[in-house]
PDB file of N, CA and C in Angstrom:
ATOM      1  N   MET A   1     -12.339 -45.302  10.654  1.00  0.00           N
ATOM      2  CA  MET A   1     -11.994 -44.717   9.372  1.00  0.00           C
ATOM      3  C   MET A   1     -12.557 -43.288   9.244  1.00  0.00           C
ATOM      4  N   LYS A   2     -13.797 -43.115   9.676  1.00  0.00           N
ATOM      5  CA  LYS A   2     -14.416 -41.796   9.593  1.00  0.00           C
ATOM      6  C   LYS A   2     -13.662 -40.791  10.456  1.00  0.00           C
ATOM      7  N   LYS A   3     -13.201 -41.238  11.629  1.00  0.00           N
ATOM      8  CA  LYS A   3     -12.456 -40.341  12.515  1.00  0.00           C
ATOM      9  C   LYS A   3     -11.137 -39.926  11.882  1.00  0.00           C
ATOM     10  N   THR A   4     -10.478 -40.852  11.194  1.00  0.00           N
ATOM     11  CA  THR A   4      -9.199 -40.547  10.544  1.00  0.00           C
ATOM     12  C   THR A   4      -9.401 -39.511   9.442  1.00  0.00           C
ATOM     13  N   VAL A   5     -10.424 -39.693   8.637  1.00  0.00           N
ATOM     14  CA  VAL A   5     -10.718 -38.749   7.559  1.00  0.00           C
ATOM     15  C   VAL A   5     -11.071 -37.385   8.142  1.00  0.00           C
ATOM     16  N   LEU A   6     -11.846 -37.372   9.209  1.00  0.00           N
ATOM     17  CA  LEU A   6     -12.229 -36.114   9.843  1.00  0.00           C
ATOM     18  C   LEU A   6     -11.010 -35.381  10.397  1.00  0.00           C
ATOM     19  N   VAL A   7     -10.113 -36.111  11.046  1.00  0.00           N
ATOM     20  CA  VAL A   7      -8.900 -35.500  11.595  1.00  0.00           C
ATOM     21  C   VAL A   7      -8.027 -34.944  10.471  1.00  0.00           C
ATOM     22  N   LEU A   8      -7.864 -35.700   9.388  1.00  0.00           N
ATOM     23  CA  LEU A   8      -7.075 -35.217   8.247  1.00  0.00           C
ATOM     24  C   LEU A   8      -7.709 -33.972   7.627  1.00  0.00           C
ATOM     25  N   PHE A   9      -9.018 -33.971   7.495  1.00  0.00           N
ATOM     26  CA  PHE A   9      -9.725 -32.828   6.929  1.00  0.00           C
ATOM     27  C   PHE A   9      -9.541 -31.585   7.792  1.00  0.00           C
ATOM     28  N   LEU A  10      -9.712 -31.735   9.093  1.00  0.00           N
ATOM     29  CA  LEU A  10      -9.527 -30.598  10.002  1.00  0.00           C
ATOM     30  C   LEU A  10      -8.077 -30.120   9.990  1.00  0.00           C
ATOM     31  N   GLY A  11      -7.140 -31.031   9.860  1.00  0.00           N
ATOM     32  CA  GLY A  11      -5.727 -30.657   9.774  1.00  0.00           C
ATOM     33  C   GLY A  11      -5.441 -29.830   8.533  1.00  0.00           C
ATOM     34  N   LEU A  12      -5.997 -30.229   7.408  1.00  0.00           N
ATOM     35  CA  LEU A  12      -5.793 -29.472   6.167  1.00  0.00           C
ATOM     36  C   LEU A  12      -6.417 -28.084   6.249  1.00  0.00           C
ATOM     37  N   ILE A  13      -7.578 -27.981   6.848  1.00  0.00           N
ATOM     38  CA  ILE A  13      -8.223 -26.673   7.007  1.00  0.00           C
ATOM     39  C   ILE A  13      -7.377 -25.764   7.895  1.00  0.00           C
ATOM     40  N   SER A  14      -6.845 -26.315   8.978  1.00  0.00           N
ATOM     41  CA  SER A  14      -6.042 -25.486   9.882  1.00  0.00           C
ATOM     42  C   SER A  14      -4.744 -25.033   9.222  1.00  0.00           C
ATOM     43  N   LEU A  15      -4.181 -25.826   8.309  1.00  0.00           N
ATOM     44  CA  LEU A  15      -2.982 -25.396   7.587  1.00  0.00           C
ATOM     45  C   LEU A  15      -3.279 -24.184   6.713  1.00  0.00           C
ATOM     46  N   GLY A  16      -4.472 -24.124   6.147  1.00  0.00           N
ATOM     47  CA  GLY A  16      -4.853 -22.986   5.320  1.00  0.00           C
ATOM     48  C   GLY A  16      -4.877 -21.684   6.092  1.00  0.00           C
ATOM     49  N   ILE A  17      -5.196 -21.749   7.356  1.00  0.00           N
ATOM     50  CA  ILE A  17      -5.215 -20.544   8.189  1.00  0.00           C
ATOM     51  C   ILE A  17      -3.806 -19.996   8.360  1.00  0.00           C
ATOM     52  N   TYR A  18      -2.835 -20.877   8.550  1.00  0.00           N
ATOM     53  CA  TYR A  18      -1.453 -20.447   8.747  1.00  0.00           C
ATOM     54  C   TYR A  18      -0.783 -20.032   7.445  1.00  0.00           C
ATOM     55  N   ALA A  19      -1.340 -20.429   6.307  1.00  0.00           N
ATOM     56  CA  ALA A  19      -0.710 -20.159   5.019  1.00  0.00           C
ATOM     57  C   ALA A  19      -1.145 -18.836   4.399  1.00  0.00           C
ATOM     58  N   GLN A  20      -1.849 -18.005   5.135  1.00  0.00           N
ATOM     59  CA  GLN A  20      -2.297 -16.731   4.584  1.00  0.00           C
ATOM     60  C   GLN A  20      -1.103 -15.843   4.278  1.00  0.00           C
ATOM     61  N   GLU A  21      -1.138 -15.223   3.109  1.00  0.00           N
ATOM     62  CA  GLU A  21      -0.037 -14.367   2.679  1.00  0.00           C
ATOM     63  C   GLU A  21      -0.083 -13.007   3.367  1.00  0.00           C
ATOM     64  N   THR A  22       1.102 -12.441   3.551  1.00  0.00           N
ATOM     65  CA  THR A  22       1.183 -11.068   4.033  1.00  0.00           C
ATOM     66  C   THR A  22       1.425 -10.183   2.821  1.00  0.00           C
ATOM     67  N   THR A  23       0.644  -9.136   2.689  1.00  0.00           N
ATOM     68  CA  THR A  23       0.782  -8.236   1.553  1.00  0.00           C
ATOM     69  C   THR A  23       0.678  -6.790   2.013  1.00  0.00           C
ATOM     70  N   ALA A  24       1.279  -5.931   1.240  1.00  0.00           N
ATOM     71  CA  ALA A  24       1.154  -4.493   1.473  1.00  0.00           C
ATOM     72  C   ALA A  24      -0.053  -3.992   0.691  1.00  0.00           C
ATOM     73  N   LYS A  25      -0.709  -2.983   1.223  1.00  0.00           N
ATOM     74  CA  LYS A  25      -1.859  -2.387   0.538  1.00  0.00           C
ATOM     75  C   LYS A  25      -1.793  -0.888   0.755  1.00  0.00           C
ATOM     76  N   ILE A  26      -1.846  -0.141  -0.339  1.00  0.00           N
ATOM     77  CA  ILE A  26      -1.753   1.316  -0.248  1.00  0.00           C
ATOM     78  C   ILE A  26      -3.160   1.913  -0.319  1.00  0.00           C
ATOM     79  N   GLU A  27      -3.418   2.859   0.571  1.00  0.00           N
ATOM     80  CA  GLU A  27      -4.702   3.553   0.600  1.00  0.00           C
ATOM     81  C   GLU A  27      -4.429   5.051   0.661  1.00  0.00           C
ATOM     82  N   PHE A  28      -4.849   5.772  -0.384  1.00  0.00           N
ATOM     83  CA  PHE A  28      -4.604   7.208  -0.466  1.00  0.00           C
ATOM     84  C   PHE A  28      -5.667   7.983   0.296  1.00  0.00           C
ATOM     85  N   LYS A  29      -5.252   9.065   0.943  1.00  0.00           N
ATOM     86  CA  LYS A  29      -6.191   9.970   1.612  1.00  0.00           C
ATOM     87  C   LYS A  29      -7.074  10.618   0.549  1.00  0.00           C
ATOM     88  N   SER A  30      -6.476  10.994  -0.582  1.00  0.00           N
ATOM     89  CA  SER A  30      -7.184  11.554  -1.727  1.00  0.00           C
ATOM     90  C   SER A  30      -6.442  11.110  -2.981  1.00  0.00           C
ATOM     91  N   GLU A  31      -7.168  10.788  -4.034  1.00  0.00           N
ATOM     92  CA  GLU A  31      -6.517  10.305  -5.249  1.00  0.00           C
ATOM     93  C   GLU A  31      -6.207  11.415  -6.243  1.00  0.00           C
ATOM     94  N   THR A  32      -6.656  12.624  -5.970  1.00  0.00           N
ATOM     95  CA  THR A  32      -6.334  13.764  -6.828  1.00  0.00           C
ATOM     96  C   THR A  32      -5.952  14.956  -5.961  1.00  0.00           C
ATOM     97  N   ILE A  33      -5.192  15.850  -6.558  1.00  0.00           N
ATOM     98  CA  ILE A  33      -4.826  17.096  -5.883  1.00  0.00           C
ATOM     99  C   ILE A  33      -5.213  18.249  -6.799  1.00  0.00           C
ATOM    100  N   ASP A  34      -5.998  19.182  -6.277  1.00  0.00           N
ATOM    101  CA  ASP A  34      -6.377  20.369  -7.032  1.00  0.00           C
ATOM    102  C   ASP A  34      -5.349  21.455  -6.732  1.00  0.00           C
ATOM    103  N   TYR A  35      -4.551  21.803  -7.718  1.00  0.00           N
ATOM    104  CA  TYR A  35      -3.524  22.829  -7.524  1.00  0.00           C
ATOM    105  C   TYR A  35      -4.125  24.220  -7.379  1.00  0.00           C
ATOM    106  N   GLY A  36      -5.306  24.428  -7.919  1.00  0.00           N
ATOM    107  CA  GLY A  36      -5.911  25.756  -7.836  1.00  0.00           C
ATOM    108  C   GLY A  36      -5.017  26.794  -8.497  1.00  0.00           C
ATOM    109  N   ASP A  37      -5.012  28.023  -7.973  1.00  0.00           N
ATOM    110  CA  ASP A  37      -4.139  29.082  -8.482  1.00  0.00           C
ATOM    111  C   ASP A  37      -2.814  29.029  -7.736  1.00  0.00           C
ATOM    112  N   ILE A  38      -1.728  29.051  -8.487  1.00  0.00           N
ATOM    113  CA  ILE A  38      -0.396  29.042  -7.883  1.00  0.00           C
ATOM    114  C   ILE A  38       0.213  30.419  -8.090  1.00  0.00           C
ATOM    115  N   ASP A  39       0.583  31.068  -7.001  1.00  0.00           N
ATOM    116  CA  ASP A  39       1.179  32.398  -7.080  1.00  0.00           C
ATOM    117  C   ASP A  39       2.540  32.343  -7.762  1.00  0.00           C
ATOM    118  N   LYS A  40       2.847  33.394  -8.497  1.00  0.00           N
ATOM    119  CA  LYS A  40       4.135  33.501  -9.162  1.00  0.00           C
ATOM    120  C   LYS A  40       5.245  33.454  -8.105  1.00  0.00           C
ATOM    121  N   GLY A  41       6.239  32.618  -8.364  1.00  0.00           N
ATOM    122  CA  GLY A  41       7.370  32.498  -7.452  1.00  0.00           C
ATOM    123  C   GLY A  41       7.203  31.445  -6.369  1.00  0.00           C
ATOM    124  N   SER A  42       5.989  30.903  -6.207  1.00  0.00           N
ATOM    125  CA  SER A  42       5.807  29.857  -5.187  1.00  0.00           C
ATOM    126  C   SER A  42       6.264  28.513  -5.758  1.00  0.00           C
ATOM    127  N   ASP A  43       6.589  27.583  -4.879  1.00  0.00           N
ATOM    128  CA  ASP A  43       7.125  26.306  -5.358  1.00  0.00           C
ATOM    129  C   ASP A  43       6.045  25.346  -5.863  1.00  0.00           C
ATOM    130  N   GLY A  44       4.804  25.496  -5.440  1.00  0.00           N
ATOM    131  CA  GLY A  44       3.722  24.634  -5.924  1.00  0.00           C
ATOM    132  C   GLY A  44       3.812  23.198  -5.438  1.00  0.00           C
ATOM    133  N   VAL A  45       4.595  22.934  -4.414  1.00  0.00           N
ATOM    134  CA  VAL A  45       4.767  21.567  -3.916  1.00  0.00           C
ATOM    135  C   VAL A  45       3.470  21.074  -3.272  1.00  0.00           C
ATOM    136  N   ARG A  46       3.062  19.878  -3.643  1.00  0.00           N
ATOM    137  CA  ARG A  46       1.899  19.218  -3.052  1.00  0.00           C
ATOM    138  C   ARG A  46       2.323  17.810  -2.657  1.00  0.00           C
ATOM    139  N   VAL A  47       1.637  17.221  -1.677  1.00  0.00           N
ATOM    140  CA  VAL A  47       2.006  15.900  -1.170  1.00  0.00           C
ATOM    141  C   VAL A  47       0.793  14.976  -1.195  1.00  0.00           C
ATOM    142  N   PHE A  48       0.968  13.793  -1.785  1.00  0.00           N
ATOM    143  CA  PHE A  48      -0.043  12.747  -1.704  1.00  0.00           C
ATOM    144  C   PHE A  48       0.164  12.011  -0.394  1.00  0.00           C
ATOM    145  N   GLU A  49      -0.855  11.983   0.448  1.00  0.00           N
ATOM    146  CA  GLU A  49      -0.760  11.259   1.712  1.00  0.00           C
ATOM    147  C   GLU A  49      -1.393   9.878   1.538  1.00  0.00           C
ATOM    148  N   PHE A  50      -0.699   8.863   2.028  1.00  0.00           N
ATOM    149  CA  PHE A  50      -1.203   7.501   1.930  1.00  0.00           C
ATOM    150  C   PHE A  50      -0.822   6.711   3.173  1.00  0.00           C
ATOM    151  N   THR A  51      -1.501   5.577   3.354  1.00  0.00           N
ATOM    152  CA  THR A  51      -1.256   4.690   4.489  1.00  0.00           C
ATOM    153  C   THR A  51      -1.085   3.270   3.973  1.00  0.00           C
ATOM    154  N   ASN A  52      -0.160   2.539   4.560  1.00  0.00           N
ATOM    155  CA  ASN A  52      -0.018   1.120   4.266  1.00  0.00           C
ATOM    156  C   ASN A  52      -0.997   0.382   5.170  1.00  0.00           C
ATOM    157  N   THR A  53      -2.112  -0.061   4.608  1.00  0.00           N
ATOM    158  CA  THR A  53      -3.132  -0.764   5.381  1.00  0.00           C
ATOM    159  C   THR A  53      -2.960  -2.275   5.308  1.00  0.00           C
ATOM    160  N   GLY A  54      -1.871  -2.727   4.706  1.00  0.00           N
ATOM    161  CA  GLY A  54      -1.603  -4.160   4.600  1.00  0.00           C
ATOM    162  C   GLY A  54      -0.867  -4.694   5.811  1.00  0.00           C
ATOM    163  N   THR A  55      -0.317  -5.903   5.647  1.00  0.00           N
ATOM    164  CA  THR A  55       0.379  -6.578   6.738  1.00  0.00           C
ATOM    165  C   THR A  55       1.862  -6.766   6.460  1.00  0.00           C
ATOM    166  N   ALA A  56       2.352  -6.195   5.361  1.00  0.00           N
ATOM    167  CA  ALA A  56       3.769  -6.295   5.004  1.00  0.00           C
ATOM    168  C   ALA A  56       4.287  -4.903   4.661  1.00  0.00           C
ATOM    169  N   PRO A  57       5.601  -4.690   4.712  1.00  0.00           N
ATOM    170  CA  PRO A  57       6.160  -3.387   4.332  1.00  0.00           C
ATOM    171  C   PRO A  57       5.804  -3.040   2.882  1.00  0.00           C
ATOM    172  N   LEU A  58       5.491  -1.769   2.644  1.00  0.00           N
ATOM    173  CA  LEU A  58       5.145  -1.275   1.312  1.00  0.00           C
ATOM    174  C   LEU A  58       6.378  -0.640   0.693  1.00  0.00           C
ATOM    175  N   VAL A  59       6.821  -1.182  -0.436  1.00  0.00           N
ATOM    176  CA  VAL A  59       7.975  -0.644  -1.146  1.00  0.00           C
ATOM    177  C   VAL A  59       7.473  -0.033  -2.448  1.00  0.00           C
ATOM    178  N   ILE A  60       7.679   1.266  -2.619  1.00  0.00           N
ATOM    179  CA  ILE A  60       7.275   1.953  -3.847  1.00  0.00           C
ATOM    180  C   ILE A  60       8.508   2.031  -4.725  1.00  0.00           C
ATOM    181  N   SER A  61       8.470   1.333  -5.847  1.00  0.00           N
ATOM    182  CA  SER A  61       9.649   1.249  -6.702  1.00  0.00           C
ATOM    183  C   SER A  61       9.633   2.253  -7.847  1.00  0.00           C
ATOM    184  N   ASP A  62       8.459   2.781  -8.199  1.00  0.00           N
ATOM    185  CA  ASP A  62       8.388   3.706  -9.331  1.00  0.00           C
ATOM    186  C   ASP A  62       7.173   4.611  -9.173  1.00  0.00           C
ATOM    187  N   VAL A  63       7.329   5.876  -9.506  1.00  0.00           N
ATOM    188  CA  VAL A  63       6.202   6.809  -9.554  1.00  0.00           C
ATOM    189  C   VAL A  63       6.255   7.555 -10.876  1.00  0.00           C
ATOM    190  N   ARG A  64       5.090   7.886 -11.397  1.00  0.00           N
ATOM    191  CA  ARG A  64       5.003   8.600 -12.679  1.00  0.00           C
ATOM    192  C   ARG A  64       3.910   9.653 -12.598  1.00  0.00           C
ATOM    193  N   SER A  65       4.087  10.714 -13.355  1.00  0.00           N
ATOM    194  CA  SER A  65       3.035  11.730 -13.435  1.00  0.00           C
ATOM    195  C   SER A  65       2.362  11.617 -14.793  1.00  0.00           C
ATOM    196  N   SER A  66       1.183  12.175 -14.896  1.00  0.00           N
ATOM    197  CA  SER A  66       0.439  12.110 -16.149  1.00  0.00           C
ATOM    198  C   SER A  66       0.784  13.261 -17.087  1.00  0.00           C
ATOM    199  N   CYS A  67       1.623  14.197 -16.618  1.00  0.00           N
ATOM    200  CA  CYS A  67       2.036  15.290 -17.492  1.00  0.00           C
ATOM    201  C   CYS A  67       3.452  15.728 -17.116  1.00  0.00           C
ATOM    202  N   GLY A  68       4.078  16.487 -17.982  1.00  0.00           N
ATOM    203  CA  GLY A  68       5.442  16.937 -17.733  1.00  0.00           C
ATOM    204  C   GLY A  68       5.535  18.129 -16.800  1.00  0.00           C
ATOM    205  N   CYS A  69       4.410  18.616 -16.313  1.00  0.00           N
ATOM    206  CA  CYS A  69       4.419  19.801 -15.453  1.00  0.00           C
ATOM    207  C   CYS A  69       4.664  19.460 -13.986  1.00  0.00           C
ATOM    208  N   THR A  70       4.719  18.171 -13.653  1.00  0.00           N
ATOM    209  CA  THR A  70       4.980  17.762 -12.273  1.00  0.00           C
ATOM    210  C   THR A  70       6.185  16.829 -12.215  1.00  0.00           C
ATOM    211  N   ILE A  71       6.869  16.830 -11.099  1.00  0.00           N
ATOM    212  CA  ILE A  71       8.024  15.960 -10.897  1.00  0.00           C
ATOM    213  C   ILE A  71       7.757  15.128  -9.643  1.00  0.00           C
ATOM    214  N   PRO A  72       7.324  13.875  -9.823  1.00  0.00           N
ATOM    215  CA  PRO A  72       7.019  13.056  -8.647  1.00  0.00           C
ATOM    216  C   PRO A  72       8.280  12.573  -7.945  1.00  0.00           C
ATOM    217  N   LYS A  73       8.164  12.355  -6.646  1.00  0.00           N
ATOM    218  CA  LYS A  73       9.266  11.836  -5.840  1.00  0.00           C
ATOM    219  C   LYS A  73       8.704  10.745  -4.937  1.00  0.00           C
ATOM    220  N   LYS A  74       9.381   9.606  -4.891  1.00  0.00           N
ATOM    221  CA  LYS A  74       8.901   8.477  -4.097  1.00  0.00           C
ATOM    222  C   LYS A  74       9.657   8.357  -2.785  1.00  0.00           C
ATOM    223  N   PRO A  75       9.057   7.715  -1.785  1.00  0.00           N
ATOM    224  CA  PRO A  75       9.776   7.471  -0.532  1.00  0.00           C
ATOM    225  C   PRO A  75      10.927   6.493  -0.779  1.00  0.00           C
ATOM    226  N   GLU A  76      12.056   6.727  -0.159  1.00  0.00           N
ATOM    227  CA  GLU A  76      13.217   5.853  -0.346  1.00  0.00           C
ATOM    228  C   GLU A  76      13.158   4.623   0.549  1.00  0.00           C
ATOM    229  N   GLU A  77      12.510   4.733   1.700  1.00  0.00           N
ATOM    230  CA  GLU A  77      12.434   3.625   2.656  1.00  0.00           C
ATOM    231  C   GLU A  77      11.057   2.961   2.574  1.00  0.00           C
ATOM    232  N   PRO A  78      10.973   1.669   2.891  1.00  0.00           N
ATOM    233  CA  PRO A  78       9.666   1.005   2.924  1.00  0.00           C
ATOM    234  C   PRO A  78       8.745   1.652   3.962  1.00  0.00           C
ATOM    235  N   ILE A  79       7.460   1.652   3.666  1.00  0.00           N
ATOM    236  CA  ILE A  79       6.450   2.149   4.596  1.00  0.00           C
ATOM    237  C   ILE A  79       5.910   0.920   5.338  1.00  0.00           C
ATOM    238  N   MET A  80       6.090   0.899   6.627  1.00  0.00           N
ATOM    239  CA  MET A  80       5.694  -0.254   7.436  1.00  0.00           C
ATOM    240  C   MET A  80       4.169  -0.300   7.598  1.00  0.00           C
ATOM    241  N   PRO A  81       3.604  -1.483   7.876  1.00  0.00           N
ATOM    242  CA  PRO A  81       2.151  -1.600   8.057  1.00  0.00           C
ATOM    243  C   PRO A  81       1.623  -0.626   9.111  1.00  0.00           C
ATOM    244  N   GLY A  82       0.539   0.068   8.755  1.00  0.00           N
ATOM    245  CA  GLY A  82      -0.080   1.030   9.662  1.00  0.00           C
ATOM    246  C   GLY A  82       0.541   2.414   9.625  1.00  0.00           C
ATOM    247  N   LYS A  83       1.666   2.573   8.940  1.00  0.00           N
ATOM    248  CA  LYS A  83       2.355   3.867   8.876  1.00  0.00           C
ATOM    249  C   LYS A  83       1.904   4.634   7.641  1.00  0.00           C
ATOM    250  N   THR A  84       2.120   5.955   7.667  1.00  0.00           N
ATOM    251  CA  THR A  84       1.744   6.808   6.543  1.00  0.00           C
ATOM    252  C   THR A  84       2.977   7.354   5.850  1.00  0.00           C
ATOM    253  N   GLY A  85       2.770   7.766   4.618  1.00  0.00           N
ATOM    254  CA  GLY A  85       3.860   8.342   3.841  1.00  0.00           C
ATOM    255  C   GLY A  85       3.367   9.518   3.052  1.00  0.00           C
TER     256      GLY A  85
END
């Protein structure tokens, strides 16, 4: 009886290992951008660099800025694990 319980217990534990979820995780190189002085006539374009450090494709569905002076643009394609955007 003890062996049966032990085998069932070990079986349940091993199922938990296989049931781990795959998730995307975004990690930014920097969370802020200092625009500094922008010369007249320059475009002022800046890029947030990030990496998908998760185990699933990262899909960015929406981006927003905190003020009306910037126009954010999101990647159209998923960012695969280990890749940068």
